[in-house]
Amino acid sequence: MKILSTFENFSKLFPKKINVSYIDADTDRLITRQQATLDELPASFNHPILLPLEGKYWKVTGVFPPDAKTYLRSRQMKLFLQQVTSKTSFNIVPSIAAQMPEILHLSEATVSSLNLLSYQWRQFEFLPAVQADSIQETFYVITSILNNEDNTLQSYSKQYTRENIPKQSLHIPLGEFYQLINEENINTLCFNEDGYVKDGFSIHTEQNTYYGIIKKNYIEELCLYDLECMNEELMYLLATLQLVLVDWSGTNMFSGEELVDDPAKQRPL
């Protein structure tokens, strides 16, 4: 998962490539060495971080040197990692969705183009704009967890289940969604290494990756795989469908209101 660097000023003073050694924290084995650009590295290591590496997910358990100024000067850093599987038990995010999807066995589904671990389910989700008050109330709870953590690189000591956010029922016609994102290549959705999401889908565009639940050619649940920045496609989608995009871990909510001048262009709820 990319995290935008807040150290852009350093890019003009220091080389943009960092030599990163990835080390298995359990065995001290060197997994690999790679060069990374500044925008591929976190600006800080004060929250749980997962990295895809060699076809597996790894949790960052330590970093040396710990501050960006030092590793930008030296162009060297070590990341200590612990392999993550569907059976790994730790709180990688401060909150999770109340309802998990129904899963099919691998033999009952087709090849998937997107794989999710359970903690990723509905971490970036589209909700009706009218739910803004409930979303803000949930943010207060999540913020209290974030503000009371001493070492969140390892794991959050508490994790909130978002019981007050109901299961989505967006009822977006699939054909309309195709037109909005200018893409019709739809794929299935693999979940937690256990199987496939029933009625699940994923769609890749040049700017974003979407996933969710489709029933009878209507999108009932819509989520975003990752969020690096708000782009034109997302803003247009939010404005047209009168939705907000919620980043639960970052306690951020985005809307596209500024793009809609004519109320007639908005899709009725």
Protein backbone atom coordinates (compact mmCIF):
# COMPACT_ATOMS: atom_id res chain seq x y z
CA MET A 1 0.00 0.00 0.00
CA LYS A 2 1.57 3.34 -1.02
CA ILE A 3 1.55 6.21 1.46
CA LEU A 4 2.18 9.72 0.17
CA SER A 5 5.43 11.15 1.51
CA THR A 6 5.31 14.38 3.48
CA PHE A 7 9.00 14.95 2.93
CA GLU A 8 8.78 16.40 -0.59
CA ASN A 9 11.21 19.18 0.29
CA PHE A 10 13.95 16.62 0.89
CA SER A 11 13.62 15.24 -2.64
CA LYS A 12 15.45 18.26 -4.00
CA LEU A 13 18.32 17.87 -1.52
CA PHE A 14 18.81 14.10 -1.34
CA PRO A 15 18.83 11.23 -3.87
CA LYS A 16 15.40 9.84 -4.64
CA LYS A 17 16.42 6.16 -4.42
CA ILE A 18 16.68 4.41 -1.05
CA ASN A 19 18.37 1.01 -0.72
CA VAL A 20 15.97 -1.05 1.40
CA SER A 21 16.87 -4.37 3.02
CA TYR A 22 13.80 -6.47 3.90
CA ILE A 23 14.55 -8.82 6.83
CA ASP A 24 12.43 -11.60 8.33
CA ALA A 25 12.08 -10.51 11.97
CA ASP A 26 11.52 -14.10 13.17
CA THR A 27 14.63 -15.62 11.56
CA ASP A 28 16.86 -12.59 10.75
CA ARG A 29 16.93 -13.91 7.17
CA LEU A 30 17.42 -11.36 4.41
CA ILE A 31 14.31 -11.65 2.23
CA THR A 32 15.45 -9.30 -0.52
CA ARG A 33 17.04 -5.94 -1.24
CA GLN A 34 15.30 -3.35 -3.38
CA GLN A 35 15.55 0.29 -4.32
CA ALA A 36 12.51 2.38 -3.42
CA THR A 37 11.53 5.91 -4.38
CA LEU A 38 10.39 8.40 -1.77
CA ASP A 39 6.71 8.07 -2.64
CA GLU A 40 6.95 4.30 -2.11
CA LEU A 41 8.08 4.69 1.50
CA PRO A 42 6.02 5.83 4.49
CA ALA A 43 6.83 9.29 5.80
CA SER A 44 6.69 7.81 9.30
CA PHE A 45 6.25 4.43 10.94
CA ASN A 46 3.71 5.29 13.61
CA HIS A 47 0.90 2.98 12.49
CA PRO A 48 0.61 -0.68 11.38
CA ILE A 49 1.90 -1.17 7.84
CA LEU A 50 1.47 -4.14 5.49
CA LEU A 51 3.75 -4.68 2.49
CA PRO A 52 3.24 -7.08 -0.44
CA LEU A 53 6.53 -8.86 -1.10
CA GLU A 54 7.32 -11.99 -3.12
CA GLY A 55 3.64 -12.85 -3.40
CA LYS A 56 3.03 -12.63 0.36
CA TYR A 57 1.88 -9.97 2.84
CA TRP A 58 4.33 -8.84 5.53
CA LYS A 59 3.75 -6.64 8.58
CA VAL A 60 6.45 -4.10 9.42
CA THR A 61 7.64 -4.75 12.99
CA GLY A 62 10.67 -2.45 13.02
CA VAL A 63 12.68 0.03 10.98
CA PHE A 64 16.26 1.25 11.13
CA PRO A 65 16.97 4.10 11.06
CA PRO A 66 13.56 5.14 12.46
CA ASP A 67 13.38 8.68 11.04
CA ALA A 68 13.11 9.85 7.43
CA LYS A 69 15.85 12.48 7.67
CA THR A 70 18.45 9.84 8.51
CA TYR A 71 17.54 7.28 5.87
CA LEU A 72 17.20 9.98 3.24
CA ARG A 73 20.76 11.12 3.96
CA SER A 74 22.30 7.64 4.12
CA ARG A 75 20.15 6.17 1.33
CA GLN A 76 20.02 2.98 3.44
CA MET A 77 17.29 1.45 5.58
CA LYS A 78 16.28 -1.90 7.03
CA LEU A 79 12.69 -3.02 7.39
CA PHE A 80 12.00 -5.90 9.76
CA LEU A 81 8.96 -7.90 8.66
CA GLN A 82 6.66 -10.65 9.90
CA GLN A 83 4.68 -12.74 7.43
CA VAL A 84 0.91 -12.23 7.50
CA THR A 85 -1.67 -14.87 6.59
CA SER A 86 -5.42 -15.17 6.99
CA LYS A 87 -4.74 -16.85 10.36
CA THR A 88 -2.59 -14.02 11.74
CA SER A 89 -4.22 -12.37 14.73
CA PHE A 90 -3.48 -8.70 15.34
CA ASN A 91 -5.29 -5.40 14.92
CA ILE A 92 -3.80 -3.92 11.77
CA VAL A 93 -6.58 -1.29 11.53
CA PRO A 94 -8.39 0.64 14.29
CA SER A 95 -11.85 -0.42 13.11
CA ILE A 96 -13.54 -3.11 11.04
CA ALA A 97 -16.91 -3.53 9.33
CA ALA A 98 -19.65 -5.18 11.37
CA GLN A 99 -20.62 -7.59 8.60
CA MET A 100 -18.21 -9.77 6.64
CA PRO A 101 -19.20 -11.09 3.19
CA GLU A 102 -20.49 -14.58 2.44
CA ILE A 103 -17.68 -16.76 1.07
CA LEU A 104 -17.77 -19.47 -1.61
CA HIS A 105 -15.26 -22.31 -1.80
CA LEU A 106 -12.48 -21.94 -4.35
CA SER A 107 -13.88 -24.75 -6.47
CA GLU A 108 -17.16 -22.85 -6.88
CA ALA A 109 -15.74 -19.66 -8.36
CA THR A 110 -13.80 -18.41 -11.33
CA VAL A 111 -10.33 -16.89 -11.44
CA SER A 112 -10.11 -13.65 -9.44
CA SER A 113 -8.27 -10.44 -10.25
CA LEU A 114 -8.29 -8.97 -6.73
CA ASN A 115 -7.41 -10.52 -3.38
CA LEU A 116 -8.48 -9.05 -0.03
CA LEU A 117 -7.55 -9.92 3.53
CA SER A 118 -10.38 -9.62 6.03
CA TYR A 119 -9.05 -6.42 7.61
CA GLN A 120 -9.31 -4.66 4.22
CA TRP A 121 -13.05 -5.25 3.83
CA ARG A 122 -14.85 -1.88 3.58
CA GLN A 123 -11.88 0.17 4.82
CA PHE A 124 -12.43 2.63 1.94
CA GLU A 125 -16.15 2.59 1.22
CA PHE A 126 -18.75 4.62 -0.61
CA LEU A 127 -21.80 5.58 1.45
CA PRO A 128 -24.83 7.82 0.86
CA ALA A 129 -24.07 11.44 1.72
CA VAL A 130 -27.09 11.47 4.05
CA GLN A 131 -25.16 9.19 6.45
CA ALA A 132 -22.58 11.92 7.16
CA ASP A 133 -23.69 12.37 10.79
CA SER A 134 -23.36 8.66 11.59
CA ILE A 135 -19.96 8.61 9.91
CA GLN A 136 -18.73 11.53 12.01
CA GLU A 137 -19.93 9.84 15.20
CA THR A 138 -17.90 6.76 14.28
CA PHE A 139 -14.87 8.94 13.55
CA TYR A 140 -14.97 10.18 17.16
CA VAL A 141 -14.64 6.62 18.44
CA ILE A 142 -11.84 5.72 16.01
CA THR A 143 -9.96 8.94 16.80
CA SER A 144 -10.04 8.09 20.51
CA ILE A 145 -8.32 4.79 19.69
CA LEU A 146 -5.69 6.51 17.53
CA ASN A 147 -4.98 9.13 20.20
CA ASN A 148 -4.40 6.58 22.96
CA GLU A 149 -1.79 4.40 21.31
CA ASP A 150 1.92 4.46 22.22
CA ASN A 151 3.35 2.03 19.66
CA THR A 152 0.89 1.46 16.86
CA LEU A 153 3.53 0.07 14.51
CA GLN A 154 3.06 -3.33 16.15
CA SER A 155 -0.72 -3.41 16.52
CA TYR A 156 -3.65 -1.38 17.81
CA SER A 157 -4.49 -2.40 21.36
CA LYS A 158 -8.19 -1.85 20.64
CA GLN A 159 -10.31 -2.34 17.56
CA TYR A 160 -13.79 -0.90 17.06
CA THR A 161 -16.52 -2.75 15.18
CA ARG A 162 -18.63 -0.29 13.19
CA GLU A 163 -22.03 -1.57 14.32
CA ASN A 164 -23.74 1.80 13.74
CA ILE A 165 -22.86 1.81 10.02
CA PRO A 166 -25.49 -0.38 8.33
CA LYS A 167 -24.80 -2.75 5.50
CA GLN A 168 -24.83 -0.81 2.26
CA SER A 169 -27.73 -0.88 -0.19
CA LEU A 170 -26.65 1.65 -2.81
CA HIS A 171 -28.70 0.12 -5.66
CA ILE A 172 -26.53 1.62 -8.42
CA PRO A 173 -27.40 0.21 -11.88
CA LEU A 174 -24.36 -1.65 -13.14
CA GLY A 175 -24.69 -0.14 -16.61
CA GLU A 176 -24.69 3.37 -15.16
CA PHE A 177 -21.56 2.61 -13.15
CA TYR A 178 -19.82 1.32 -16.29
CA GLN A 179 -20.56 4.61 -18.03
CA LEU A 180 -19.32 6.70 -15.10
CA ILE A 181 -15.93 4.99 -14.90
CA ASN A 182 -15.64 4.16 -18.63
CA GLU A 183 -14.82 0.52 -17.95
CA GLU A 184 -16.78 -2.73 -18.30
CA ASN A 185 -14.15 -5.41 -17.56
CA ILE A 186 -15.55 -6.92 -14.38
CA ASN A 187 -13.87 -9.67 -12.34
CA THR A 188 -14.50 -11.74 -9.23
CA LEU A 189 -13.19 -11.11 -5.72
CA CYS A 190 -11.04 -13.42 -3.58
CA PHE A 191 -11.30 -13.04 0.20
CA ASN A 192 -8.93 -13.89 3.05
CA GLU A 193 -7.32 -16.83 1.22
CA ASP A 194 -10.46 -18.87 2.04
CA GLY A 195 -12.53 -18.51 -1.11
CA TYR A 196 -14.48 -16.01 -3.18
CA VAL A 197 -17.03 -13.42 -2.17
CA LYS A 198 -20.55 -14.42 -3.14
CA ASP A 199 -21.88 -11.86 -5.66
CA GLY A 200 -18.53 -10.07 -5.29
CA PHE A 201 -16.88 -8.10 -8.07
CA SER A 202 -13.78 -6.04 -8.79
CA ILE A 203 -13.11 -3.51 -11.54
CA HIS A 204 -9.79 -1.89 -12.44
CA THR A 205 -9.59 1.48 -14.19
CA GLU A 206 -6.53 3.56 -15.04
CA GLN A 207 -6.95 5.51 -11.80
CA ASN A 208 -8.71 3.24 -9.29
CA THR A 209 -9.64 -0.29 -8.27
CA TYR A 210 -13.22 -0.85 -7.09
CA TYR A 211 -14.84 -3.85 -5.44
CA GLY A 212 -18.10 -4.73 -3.75
CA ILE A 213 -21.35 -6.68 -4.09
CA ILE A 214 -23.64 -6.93 -7.14
CA LYS A 215 -27.17 -8.35 -7.03
CA LYS A 216 -29.44 -8.54 -10.08
CA ASN A 217 -27.28 -6.07 -12.03
CA TYR A 218 -27.30 -3.49 -9.22
CA ILE A 219 -24.28 -2.55 -7.14
CA GLU A 220 -25.38 -2.77 -3.50
CA GLU A 221 -21.96 -2.36 -1.85
CA LEU A 222 -19.13 -0.32 -3.37
CA CYS A 223 -15.62 0.09 -1.99
CA LEU A 224 -12.20 1.28 -3.07
CA TYR A 225 -9.18 -1.01 -2.80
CA ASP A 226 -6.74 1.75 -1.89
CA LEU A 227 -6.64 5.55 -1.80
CA GLU A 228 -3.46 7.42 -2.72
CA CYS A 229 -5.20 10.69 -3.57
CA MET A 230 -8.56 12.03 -4.69
CA ASN A 231 -8.67 12.03 -8.50
CA GLU A 232 -11.13 13.30 -11.11
CA GLU A 233 -12.77 9.91 -11.57
CA LEU A 234 -13.55 9.62 -7.86
CA MET A 235 -14.80 13.21 -7.59
CA TYR A 236 -17.10 12.74 -10.58
CA LEU A 237 -18.44 9.49 -9.15
CA LEU A 238 -19.18 11.07 -5.76
CA ALA A 239 -20.85 14.12 -7.28
CA THR A 240 -23.02 12.20 -9.72
CA LEU A 241 -24.19 9.50 -7.31
CA GLN A 242 -24.44 11.76 -4.23
CA LEU A 243 -22.06 9.60 -2.25
CA VAL A 244 -19.18 10.19 0.13
CA LEU A 245 -15.95 8.19 0.17
CA VAL A 246 -14.96 7.20 3.70
CA ASP A 247 -11.41 6.37 4.77
CA TRP A 248 -12.08 4.71 8.13
CA SER A 249 -8.48 4.29 9.27
CA GLY A 250 -7.59 7.87 8.38
CA THR A 251 -10.94 9.24 9.66
CA ASN A 252 -11.42 11.16 6.41
CA MET A 253 -14.60 11.72 4.42
CA PHE A 254 -14.59 13.04 0.85
CA SER A 255 -17.47 14.39 -1.26
CA GLY A 256 -17.81 15.69 -4.79
CA GLU A 257 -20.24 18.52 -4.08
CA GLU A 258 -18.05 21.18 -5.66
CA LEU A 259 -18.31 19.45 -9.04
CA VAL A 260 -22.10 19.62 -9.26
CA ASP A 261 -23.59 22.98 -10.22
CA ASP A 262 -26.88 21.72 -11.59
CA PRO A 263 -28.96 19.60 -9.14
CA ALA A 264 -30.56 17.91 -12.15
CA LYS A 265 -27.23 16.22 -12.81
CA GLN A 266 -27.36 14.43 -9.49
CA ARG A 267 -28.69 10.91 -9.22
CA PRO A 268 -31.73 10.69 -6.90
CA LEU A 269 -31.20 8.65 -3.73
